[in-house]
């Protein structure tokens, strides 16, 4: 692995770092494509498309997850540990290169609250940090997050585990609903062998392609109109982790009761 270089600081890259940490409540639903289409028609009366989605209305997300040899972070999720963390490198570029800006994120769950801490750097520096636990040059205000990432890497002896890939369609709340974010993730895939984020490998389907994962993220409360939409479209709250789903689909772990396969057609089934 090459030594670290200076982190990027172009205006477009800095714009993505304006929120470096935040707390949110997250609710997840598994919907069929037809449910998504009907739900979206009603949803557009209350929200706006994410400005980053571009002309297609969606954008790709590719994440490299780190875990221990015995998949500690996976089991903490499956066992419902109240306080848990996981580490990932996330790219929004469909064809990242070593100099491409990426996020390195610690996603932490404390009871029902999701906390996220992240830094932006090049893919080359992100890999160097997560693979070796060595902190590259960075802005002083990010020191605590860099140190936490390095500490996790070294303490748990983390290593690259699986790559997740999917398309995200995102919407944000208007002035009356600040902090509201609703996303639809489709074409959820994984790579368990080729873990190089620069590889063009599209991966293997992790679940039935007719399903999409809807996530509702709020800072404080769910708007009343949204609870009405969820009920009207019979959206069933589920417990699902795309990381765990991909790990199980790749047969890197045994399949848990939370795995959604082609035989489990009822999204609300538990």
C-alpha atoms as a PDB file:
ATOM      1  CA  UNK A   1       0.000   0.000   0.000  1.00  0.00           C
ATOM      2  CA  UNK A   2       1.349   3.424  -0.956  1.00  0.00           C
ATOM      3  CA  UNK A   3       1.926   6.068   1.743  1.00  0.00           C
ATOM      4  CA  UNK A   4      -0.862   8.604   2.279  1.00  0.00           C
ATOM      5  CA  UNK A   5      -1.212  11.823   0.351  1.00  0.00           C
ATOM      6  CA  UNK A   6      -2.857  15.127   1.157  1.00  0.00           C
ATOM      7  CA  UNK A   7      -6.665  14.861   1.374  1.00  0.00           C
ATOM      8  CA  UNK A   8      -8.673  16.583  -1.397  1.00  0.00           C
ATOM      9  CA  UNK A   9      -9.958  20.082  -0.784  1.00  0.00           C
ATOM     10  CA  UNK A  10     -11.721  21.205  -3.964  1.00  0.00           C
ATOM     11  CA  UNK A  11     -15.017  23.092  -3.463  1.00  0.00           C
ATOM     12  CA  UNK A  12     -17.104  20.150  -4.694  1.00  0.00           C
ATOM     13  CA  UNK A  13     -15.391  17.784  -2.271  1.00  0.00           C
ATOM     14  CA  UNK A  14     -15.671  20.165   0.661  1.00  0.00           C
ATOM     15  CA  UNK A  15     -19.394  20.505   0.007  1.00  0.00           C
ATOM     16  CA  UNK A  16     -19.824  16.804   0.751  1.00  0.00           C
ATOM     17  CA  UNK A  17     -18.142  17.199   4.162  1.00  0.00           C
ATOM     18  CA  UNK A  18     -20.437  19.903   5.541  1.00  0.00           C
ATOM     19  CA  UNK A  19     -22.086  17.279   7.761  1.00  0.00           C
ATOM     20  CA  UNK A  20     -19.344  15.217   9.381  1.00  0.00           C
ATOM     21  CA  UNK A  21     -21.432  13.641  12.136  1.00  0.00           C
ATOM     22  CA  UNK A  22     -25.120  13.387  12.952  1.00  0.00           C
ATOM     23  CA  UNK A  23     -27.775  11.454  14.879  1.00  0.00           C
ATOM     24  CA  UNK A  24     -30.905  10.047  13.264  1.00  0.00           C
ATOM     25  CA  UNK A  25     -33.783   7.665  13.729  1.00  0.00           C
ATOM     26  CA  UNK A  26     -34.049   5.148  10.884  1.00  0.00           C
ATOM     27  CA  UNK A  27     -37.012   2.998   9.863  1.00  0.00           C
ATOM     28  CA  UNK A  28     -36.762   0.395   7.100  1.00  0.00           C
ATOM     29  CA  UNK A  29     -39.382  -1.201   4.866  1.00  0.00           C
ATOM     30  CA  UNK A  30     -39.159  -3.833   2.136  1.00  0.00           C
ATOM     31  CA  UNK A  31     -41.368  -2.929  -0.833  1.00  0.00           C
ATOM     32  CA  UNK A  32     -42.028  -4.408  -4.239  1.00  0.00           C
ATOM     33  CA  UNK A  33     -41.322  -2.251  -7.269  1.00  0.00           C
ATOM     34  CA  UNK A  34     -45.050  -1.745  -7.814  1.00  0.00           C
ATOM     35  CA  UNK A  35     -45.437  -0.568  -4.208  1.00  0.00           C
ATOM     36  CA  UNK A  36     -42.567   1.872  -4.679  1.00  0.00           C
ATOM     37  CA  UNK A  37     -44.132   3.320  -7.829  1.00  0.00           C
ATOM     38  CA  UNK A  38     -47.473   3.877  -6.101  1.00  0.00           C
ATOM     39  CA  UNK A  39     -45.862   5.235  -2.930  1.00  0.00           C
ATOM     40  CA  UNK A  40     -43.675   7.657  -4.917  1.00  0.00           C
ATOM     41  CA  UNK A  41     -46.715   9.164  -6.663  1.00  0.00           C
ATOM     42  CA  UNK A  42     -48.143  10.223  -3.295  1.00  0.00           C
ATOM     43  CA  UNK A  43     -44.773  11.072  -1.780  1.00  0.00           C
ATOM     44  CA  UNK A  44     -43.934  13.723  -4.384  1.00  0.00           C
ATOM     45  CA  UNK A  45     -46.686  15.948  -2.984  1.00  0.00           C
ATOM     46  CA  UNK A  46     -44.606  16.433   0.188  1.00  0.00           C
ATOM     47  CA  UNK A  47     -40.892  16.107  -0.655  1.00  0.00           C
ATOM     48  CA  UNK A  48     -38.272  17.127  -3.214  1.00  0.00           C
ATOM     49  CA  UNK A  49     -35.753  15.001  -5.063  1.00  0.00           C
ATOM     50  CA  UNK A  50     -32.236  14.957  -3.686  1.00  0.00           C
ATOM     51  CA  UNK A  51     -30.233  17.535  -5.657  1.00  0.00           C
ATOM     52  CA  UNK A  52     -27.350  15.053  -5.977  1.00  0.00           C
ATOM     53  CA  UNK A  53     -29.498  12.515  -7.857  1.00  0.00           C
ATOM     54  CA  UNK A  54     -28.890  14.149 -11.230  1.00  0.00           C
ATOM     55  CA  UNK A  55     -31.027  13.763 -14.344  1.00  0.00           C
ATOM     56  CA  UNK A  56     -31.677  10.039 -13.825  1.00  0.00           C
ATOM     57  CA  UNK A  57     -33.191  10.594 -10.371  1.00  0.00           C
ATOM     58  CA  UNK A  58     -30.846   8.078  -8.755  1.00  0.00           C
ATOM     59  CA  UNK A  59     -27.164   7.468  -8.135  1.00  0.00           C
ATOM     60  CA  UNK A  60     -24.935   4.451  -7.441  1.00  0.00           C
ATOM     61  CA  UNK A  61     -23.595   3.576  -4.004  1.00  0.00           C
ATOM     62  CA  UNK A  62     -20.646   1.233  -3.551  1.00  0.00           C
ATOM     63  CA  UNK A  63     -19.388   0.402  -0.063  1.00  0.00           C
ATOM     64  CA  UNK A  64     -16.527  -1.736   1.203  1.00  0.00           C
ATOM     65  CA  UNK A  65     -17.277  -3.064   4.703  1.00  0.00           C
ATOM     66  CA  UNK A  66     -14.632  -4.050   7.226  1.00  0.00           C
ATOM     67  CA  UNK A  67     -15.151  -6.718   9.865  1.00  0.00           C
ATOM     68  CA  UNK A  68     -13.256  -9.262  11.922  1.00  0.00           C
ATOM     69  CA  UNK A  69     -12.438 -12.801  10.828  1.00  0.00           C
ATOM     70  CA  UNK A  70     -15.382 -14.070  12.876  1.00  0.00           C
ATOM     71  CA  UNK A  71     -17.707 -11.275  11.646  1.00  0.00           C
ATOM     72  CA  UNK A  72     -18.115  -9.526  14.972  1.00  0.00           C
ATOM     73  CA  UNK A  73     -20.038  -6.543  13.528  1.00  0.00           C
ATOM     74  CA  UNK A  74     -22.392  -8.856  11.640  1.00  0.00           C
ATOM     75  CA  UNK A  75     -23.213 -10.826  14.785  1.00  0.00           C
ATOM     76  CA  UNK A  76     -23.736  -7.671  16.845  1.00  0.00           C
ATOM     77  CA  UNK A  77     -26.471  -6.701  14.377  1.00  0.00           C
ATOM     78  CA  UNK A  78     -28.045 -10.174  14.247  1.00  0.00           C
ATOM     79  CA  UNK A  79     -27.989 -10.500  18.049  1.00  0.00           C
ATOM     80  CA  UNK A  80     -29.532  -7.046  18.491  1.00  0.00           C
ATOM     81  CA  UNK A  81     -26.693  -5.587  20.564  1.00  0.00           C
ATOM     82  CA  UNK A  82     -27.928  -2.183  21.705  1.00  0.00           C
ATOM     83  CA  UNK A  83     -24.650  -0.340  21.134  1.00  0.00           C
ATOM     84  CA  UNK A  84     -22.760  -1.405  18.038  1.00  0.00           C
ATOM     85  CA  UNK A  85     -20.534   0.019  15.304  1.00  0.00           C
ATOM     86  CA  UNK A  86     -19.394  -0.848  11.813  1.00  0.00           C
ATOM     87  CA  UNK A  87     -16.801   0.605   9.460  1.00  0.00           C
ATOM     88  CA  UNK A  88     -17.063   1.165   5.722  1.00  0.00           C
ATOM     89  CA  UNK A  89     -15.560   3.040   2.795  1.00  0.00           C
ATOM     90  CA  UNK A  90     -18.310   4.494   0.620  1.00  0.00           C
ATOM     91  CA  UNK A  91     -18.065   5.777  -2.955  1.00  0.00           C
ATOM     92  CA  UNK A  92     -20.696   7.666  -4.925  1.00  0.00           C
ATOM     93  CA  UNK A  93     -18.657   7.384  -8.120  1.00  0.00           C
ATOM     94  CA  UNK A  94     -19.581   4.415 -10.368  1.00  0.00           C
ATOM     95  CA  UNK A  95     -15.941   4.099 -11.479  1.00  0.00           C
ATOM     96  CA  UNK A  96     -13.735   5.344  -8.626  1.00  0.00           C
ATOM     97  CA  UNK A  97      -9.984   5.661  -9.019  1.00  0.00           C
ATOM     98  CA  UNK A  98      -7.294   5.979  -6.320  1.00  0.00           C
ATOM     99  CA  UNK A  99      -7.643   9.796  -6.339  1.00  0.00           C
ATOM    100  CA  UNK A 100     -11.468   9.753  -6.215  1.00  0.00           C
ATOM    101  CA  UNK A 101     -12.976  11.336  -3.064  1.00  0.00           C
ATOM    102  CA  UNK A 102     -14.748   8.794  -0.843  1.00  0.00           C
ATOM    103  CA  UNK A 103     -16.234   8.710   2.630  1.00  0.00           C
ATOM    104  CA  UNK A 104     -14.838   6.624   5.451  1.00  0.00           C
ATOM    105  CA  UNK A 105     -17.722   6.152   7.867  1.00  0.00           C
ATOM    106  CA  UNK A 106     -18.311   4.774  11.325  1.00  0.00           C
ATOM    107  CA  UNK A 107     -21.987   3.956  11.622  1.00  0.00           C
ATOM    108  CA  UNK A 108     -23.011   3.463  15.236  1.00  0.00           C
ATOM    109  CA  UNK A 109     -26.300   2.336  16.683  1.00  0.00           C
ATOM    110  CA  UNK A 110     -27.247   3.316  20.224  1.00  0.00           C
ATOM    111  CA  UNK A 111     -30.621   1.766  21.039  1.00  0.00           C
ATOM    112  CA  UNK A 112     -32.947   3.270  18.387  1.00  0.00           C
ATOM    113  CA  UNK A 113     -30.675   6.148  17.385  1.00  0.00           C
ATOM    114  CA  UNK A 114     -28.277   5.910  14.455  1.00  0.00           C
ATOM    115  CA  UNK A 115     -25.101   7.964  14.752  1.00  0.00           C
ATOM    116  CA  UNK A 116     -22.646   8.504  11.942  1.00  0.00           C
ATOM    117  CA  UNK A 117     -19.150   9.931  11.952  1.00  0.00           C
ATOM    118  CA  UNK A 118     -17.289  10.327   8.690  1.00  0.00           C
ATOM    119  CA  UNK A 119     -14.335  11.866   6.924  1.00  0.00           C
ATOM    120  CA  UNK A 120     -13.685  12.487   3.239  1.00  0.00           C
ATOM    121  CA  UNK A 121     -10.397  11.598   1.623  1.00  0.00           C
ATOM    122  CA  UNK A 122      -9.071   9.901  -1.502  1.00  0.00           C
ATOM    123  CA  UNK A 123      -9.788   6.231  -2.068  1.00  0.00           C
ATOM    124  CA  UNK A 124      -6.046   5.527  -1.832  1.00  0.00           C
ATOM    125  CA  UNK A 125      -5.796   7.208   1.576  1.00  0.00           C
ATOM    126  CA  UNK A 126      -9.012   5.583   2.780  1.00  0.00           C
ATOM    127  CA  UNK A 127      -7.626   2.139   1.988  1.00  0.00           C
ATOM    128  CA  UNK A 128      -4.316   2.991   3.633  1.00  0.00           C
ATOM    129  CA  UNK A 129      -6.113   4.146   6.789  1.00  0.00           C
ATOM    130  CA  UNK A 130      -8.468   1.173   7.067  1.00  0.00           C
ATOM    131  CA  UNK A 131      -5.957  -1.467   5.995  1.00  0.00           C
ATOM    132  CA  UNK A 132      -3.069  -0.344   8.213  1.00  0.00           C
ATOM    133  CA  UNK A 133      -4.549   1.836  10.957  1.00  0.00           C
ATOM    134  CA  UNK A 134      -2.112   4.589   9.949  1.00  0.00           C
ATOM    135  CA  UNK A 135      -3.571   8.107   9.968  1.00  0.00           C
ATOM    136  CA  UNK A 136      -2.763  10.222   6.867  1.00  0.00           C
ATOM    137  CA  UNK A 137      -2.540  13.998   6.764  1.00  0.00           C
ATOM    138  CA  UNK A 138      -5.898  15.592   7.481  1.00  0.00           C
ATOM    139  CA  UNK A 139      -7.715  18.637   8.753  1.00  0.00           C
ATOM    140  CA  UNK A 140      -7.367  19.053  12.541  1.00  0.00           C
ATOM    141  CA  UNK A 141     -11.146  19.133  13.046  1.00  0.00           C
ATOM    142  CA  UNK A 142     -11.316  15.532  11.763  1.00  0.00           C
ATOM    143  CA  UNK A 143      -8.666  14.194  14.152  1.00  0.00           C
ATOM    144  CA  UNK A 144     -11.081  12.486  16.536  1.00  0.00           C
ATOM    145  CA  UNK A 145     -12.773  10.567  13.708  1.00  0.00           C
ATOM    146  CA  UNK A 146      -9.462   9.569  12.109  1.00  0.00           C
ATOM    147  CA  UNK A 147      -8.215   8.343  15.469  1.00  0.00           C
ATOM    148  CA  UNK A 148     -11.405   6.363  16.083  1.00  0.00           C
ATOM    149  CA  UNK A 149     -11.175   4.688  12.671  1.00  0.00           C
ATOM    150  CA  UNK A 150      -7.521   3.808  13.206  1.00  0.00           C
ATOM    151  CA  UNK A 151      -8.296   2.556  16.707  1.00  0.00           C
ATOM    152  CA  UNK A 152     -11.105   0.286  15.455  1.00  0.00           C
ATOM    153  CA  UNK A 153      -8.910  -1.088  12.689  1.00  0.00           C
ATOM    154  CA  UNK A 154      -6.060  -1.991  15.023  1.00  0.00           C
ATOM    155  CA  UNK A 155      -8.041  -3.081  18.098  1.00  0.00           C
ATOM    156  CA  UNK A 156     -10.342  -5.456  16.192  1.00  0.00           C
ATOM    157  CA  UNK A 157      -7.803  -6.400  13.505  1.00  0.00           C
ATOM    158  CA  UNK A 158     -10.339  -5.447  10.837  1.00  0.00           C
ATOM    159  CA  UNK A 159     -10.075  -6.504   7.226  1.00  0.00           C
ATOM    160  CA  UNK A 160     -12.088  -5.996   4.015  1.00  0.00           C
ATOM    161  CA  UNK A 161     -15.092  -8.324   4.093  1.00  0.00           C
ATOM    162  CA  UNK A 162     -17.677  -7.597   1.393  1.00  0.00           C
ATOM    163  CA  UNK A 163     -18.593  -4.932  -1.154  1.00  0.00           C
ATOM    164  CA  UNK A 164     -22.223  -3.837  -1.424  1.00  0.00           C
ATOM    165  CA  UNK A 165     -23.592  -2.123  -4.536  1.00  0.00           C
ATOM    166  CA  UNK A 166     -27.003  -0.626  -5.270  1.00  0.00           C
ATOM    167  CA  UNK A 167     -28.872   2.270  -6.854  1.00  0.00           C
ATOM    168  CA  UNK A 168     -30.363   4.913  -4.569  1.00  0.00           C
ATOM    169  CA  UNK A 169     -33.316   7.173  -5.250  1.00  0.00           C
ATOM    170  CA  UNK A 170     -33.477   9.884  -2.583  1.00  0.00           C
ATOM    171  CA  UNK A 171     -35.915  12.543  -1.429  1.00  0.00           C
ATOM    172  CA  UNK A 172     -35.638  15.279   1.196  1.00  0.00           C
ATOM    173  CA  UNK A 173     -38.227  17.056   3.299  1.00  0.00           C
ATOM    174  CA  UNK A 174     -39.322  20.576   2.546  1.00  0.00           C
ATOM    175  CA  UNK A 175     -39.225  23.528   4.937  1.00  0.00           C
ATOM    176  CA  UNK A 176     -41.936  22.041   7.172  1.00  0.00           C
ATOM    177  CA  UNK A 177     -39.964  18.786   7.576  1.00  0.00           C
ATOM    178  CA  UNK A 178     -36.280  19.628   8.060  1.00  0.00           C
ATOM    179  CA  UNK A 179     -34.023  16.603   8.457  1.00  0.00           C
ATOM    180  CA  UNK A 180     -36.447  14.220   6.749  1.00  0.00           C
ATOM    181  CA  UNK A 181     -34.839  11.933   4.177  1.00  0.00           C
ATOM    182  CA  UNK A 182     -36.490   9.036   2.339  1.00  0.00           C
ATOM    183  CA  UNK A 183     -34.508   6.675   0.125  1.00  0.00           C
ATOM    184  CA  UNK A 184     -35.304   3.713  -2.106  1.00  0.00           C
ATOM    185  CA  UNK A 185     -32.436   1.267  -2.683  1.00  0.00           C
ATOM    186  CA  UNK A 186     -32.732  -1.115  -5.631  1.00  0.00           C
ATOM    187  CA  UNK A 187     -30.568  -3.638  -7.505  1.00  0.00           C
ATOM    188  CA  UNK A 188     -28.853  -4.635  -4.256  1.00  0.00           C
ATOM    189  CA  UNK A 189     -25.746  -6.646  -5.097  1.00  0.00           C
ATOM    190  CA  UNK A 190     -22.520  -7.830  -3.512  1.00  0.00           C
ATOM    191  CA  UNK A 191     -18.960  -8.843  -4.276  1.00  0.00           C
ATOM    192  CA  UNK A 192     -17.263 -11.231  -1.863  1.00  0.00           C
ATOM    193  CA  UNK A 193     -14.083 -12.026  -3.788  1.00  0.00           C
ATOM    194  CA  UNK A 194     -13.100  -8.961  -5.785  1.00  0.00           C
ATOM    195  CA  UNK A 195     -13.078  -6.289  -3.054  1.00  0.00           C
ATOM    196  CA  UNK A 196     -11.251  -3.653  -5.106  1.00  0.00           C
ATOM    197  CA  UNK A 197     -13.581  -0.632  -5.315  1.00  0.00           C
ATOM    198  CA  UNK A 198     -12.024   0.387  -8.634  1.00  0.00           C
ATOM    199  CA  UNK A 199     -13.043  -2.914 -10.263  1.00  0.00           C
ATOM    200  CA  UNK A 200     -15.856  -2.722 -12.871  1.00  0.00           C
ATOM    201  CA  UNK A 201     -17.394  -5.972 -11.549  1.00  0.00           C
ATOM    202  CA  UNK A 202     -21.166  -5.309 -11.098  1.00  0.00           C
ATOM    203  CA  UNK A 203     -21.515  -8.025  -8.466  1.00  0.00           C
ATOM    204  CA  UNK A 204     -24.182 -10.651  -7.763  1.00  0.00           C
ATOM    205  CA  UNK A 205     -27.802 -10.040  -6.755  1.00  0.00           C
ATOM    206  CA  UNK A 206     -28.241 -10.219  -2.978  1.00  0.00           C
ATOM    207  CA  UNK A 207     -32.030 -10.434  -3.036  1.00  0.00           C
ATOM    208  CA  UNK A 208     -35.027 -10.627  -5.334  1.00  0.00           C
ATOM    209  CA  UNK A 209     -34.584  -7.733  -7.830  1.00  0.00           C
ATOM    210  CA  UNK A 210     -38.295  -6.907  -7.617  1.00  0.00           C
ATOM    211  CA  UNK A 211     -37.781  -5.706  -4.034  1.00  0.00           C
ATOM    212  CA  UNK A 212     -36.486  -2.368  -2.858  1.00  0.00           C
ATOM    213  CA  UNK A 213     -35.485  -1.211   0.605  1.00  0.00           C
ATOM    214  CA  UNK A 214     -37.141   2.027   1.691  1.00  0.00           C
ATOM    215  CA  UNK A 215     -35.468   3.904   4.522  1.00  0.00           C
ATOM    216  CA  UNK A 216     -37.082   6.759   6.415  1.00  0.00           C
ATOM    217  CA  UNK A 217     -34.595   8.923   8.294  1.00  0.00           C
ATOM    218  CA  UNK A 218     -35.658  11.674  10.647  1.00  0.00           C
ATOM    219  CA  UNK A 219     -33.945  13.827  13.248  1.00  0.00           C
ATOM    220  CA  UNK A 220     -36.828  13.870  15.731  1.00  0.00           C
ATOM    221  CA  UNK A 221     -40.246  12.728  14.565  1.00  0.00           C
ATOM    222  CA  UNK A 222     -41.989  11.186  11.581  1.00  0.00           C
ATOM    223  CA  UNK A 223     -44.432  13.645   9.964  1.00  0.00           C
ATOM    224  CA  UNK A 224     -48.085  12.727  10.323  1.00  0.00           C
ATOM    225  CA  UNK A 225     -48.619  12.727   6.548  1.00  0.00           C
ATOM    226  CA  UNK A 226     -45.860  10.132   6.190  1.00  0.00           C
ATOM    227  CA  UNK A 227     -47.375   7.787   8.766  1.00  0.00           C
ATOM    228  CA  UNK A 228     -50.615   8.051   6.779  1.00  0.00           C
ATOM    229  CA  UNK A 229     -48.819   7.146   3.530  1.00  0.00           C
ATOM    230  CA  UNK A 230     -47.069   4.188   5.135  1.00  0.00           C
ATOM    231  CA  UNK A 231     -50.406   2.852   6.392  1.00  0.00           C
ATOM    232  CA  UNK A 232     -52.229   3.543   3.120  1.00  0.00           C
ATOM    233  CA  UNK A 233     -49.664   1.605   1.081  1.00  0.00           C
ATOM    234  CA  UNK A 234     -49.426  -1.232   3.606  1.00  0.00           C
ATOM    235  CA  UNK A 235     -45.698  -0.741   4.183  1.00  0.00           C
ATOM    236  CA  UNK A 236     -44.483  -3.276   6.727  1.00  0.00           C
ATOM    237  CA  UNK A 237     -41.679  -2.276   9.080  1.00  0.00           C
ATOM    238  CA  UNK A 238     -38.843  -4.801   8.904  1.00  0.00           C
ATOM    239  CA  UNK A 239     -35.466  -5.493  10.382  1.00  0.00           C
ATOM    240  CA  UNK A 240     -32.960  -5.632   7.544  1.00  0.00           C
ATOM    241  CA  UNK A 241     -29.307  -4.723   7.064  1.00  0.00           C
ATOM    242  CA  UNK A 242     -27.955  -4.562   3.529  1.00  0.00           C
ATOM    243  CA  UNK A 243     -24.535  -5.509   4.897  1.00  0.00           C
ATOM    244  CA  UNK A 244     -25.913  -8.606   6.638  1.00  0.00           C
ATOM    245  CA  UNK A 245     -28.092  -9.509   3.640  1.00  0.00           C
ATOM    246  CA  UNK A 246     -25.082  -9.371   1.312  1.00  0.00           C
ATOM    247  CA  UNK A 247     -22.860 -11.298   3.718  1.00  0.00           C
ATOM    248  CA  UNK A 248     -25.442 -14.079   3.966  1.00  0.00           C
ATOM    249  CA  UNK A 249     -26.178 -14.084   0.224  1.00  0.00           C
ATOM    250  CA  UNK A 250     -22.447 -14.549  -0.366  1.00  0.00           C
ATOM    251  CA  UNK A 251     -22.540 -17.495   2.066  1.00  0.00           C
ATOM    252  CA  UNK A 252     -19.815 -15.913   4.181  1.00  0.00           C
ATOM    253  CA  UNK A 253     -22.018 -16.607   7.201  1.00  0.00           C
ATOM    254  CA  UNK A 254     -24.968 -18.869   7.895  1.00  0.00           C
ATOM    255  CA  UNK A 255     -28.327 -17.458   6.878  1.00  0.00           C
ATOM    256  CA  UNK A 256     -30.241 -15.912   9.746  1.00  0.00           C
ATOM    257  CA  UNK A 257     -33.985 -15.586  10.258  1.00  0.00           C
ATOM    258  CA  UNK A 258     -33.660 -12.046   8.846  1.00  0.00           C
ATOM    259  CA  UNK A 259     -32.437 -13.190   5.427  1.00  0.00           C
ATOM    260  CA  UNK A 260     -34.804 -12.421   2.545  1.00  0.00           C
ATOM    261  CA  UNK A 261     -34.625 -15.026  -0.202  1.00  0.00           C
ATOM    262  CA  UNK A 262     -36.856 -15.795  -3.191  1.00  0.00           C
ATOM    263  CA  UNK A 263     -39.081 -18.031  -1.055  1.00  0.00           C
ATOM    264  CA  UNK A 264     -39.804 -15.276   1.415  1.00  0.00           C
ATOM    265  CA  UNK A 265     -42.153 -13.214  -0.681  1.00  0.00           C
ATOM    266  CA  UNK A 266     -44.046 -11.474   2.097  1.00  0.00           C
ATOM    267  CA  UNK A 267     -41.919  -8.462   3.130  1.00  0.00           C
ATOM    268  CA  UNK A 268     -43.677  -8.240   6.475  1.00  0.00           C
ATOM    269  CA  UNK A 269     -42.964 -11.832   7.444  1.00  0.00           C
ATOM    270  CA  UNK A 270     -40.771 -12.205  10.528  1.00  0.00           C
END
